[in-house]
Amino acid sequence: MPYDKDQATEELAWIRSERQVMRQKKGRSVSRLEKYRAELVELRLAGASLQDLVVWLRKRKKMKIHRATVYKKLREWPESPDWRE
């Protein structure tokens, strides 16, 4: 059953309002690394390399994550030796 012009306009308005809702920012989500923040910082202070941390996360915590992501989070945490303002 084809739409008439009014129904099509109504449907288009609904679609656009739905797209607007989908585009809205949902807020900042919490990183999966946040749960292991203390352990990651302690390991890093003890001399662990970024790749060591990635292996630890993968083998002990069953988390697949890239080394650059770990480094980026470490740079955000003030207690980390990699912290940058």
Foldseek 3Di string as FASTA:
>chain_A
DDDDPVVVVVVVVVVVVVVVVVPDDPDDDDDPCVVVVVVLQVVVVVPDDLVSVQVCCCPVVVDHDDSVVSLVVLCCDPSHPNHDD
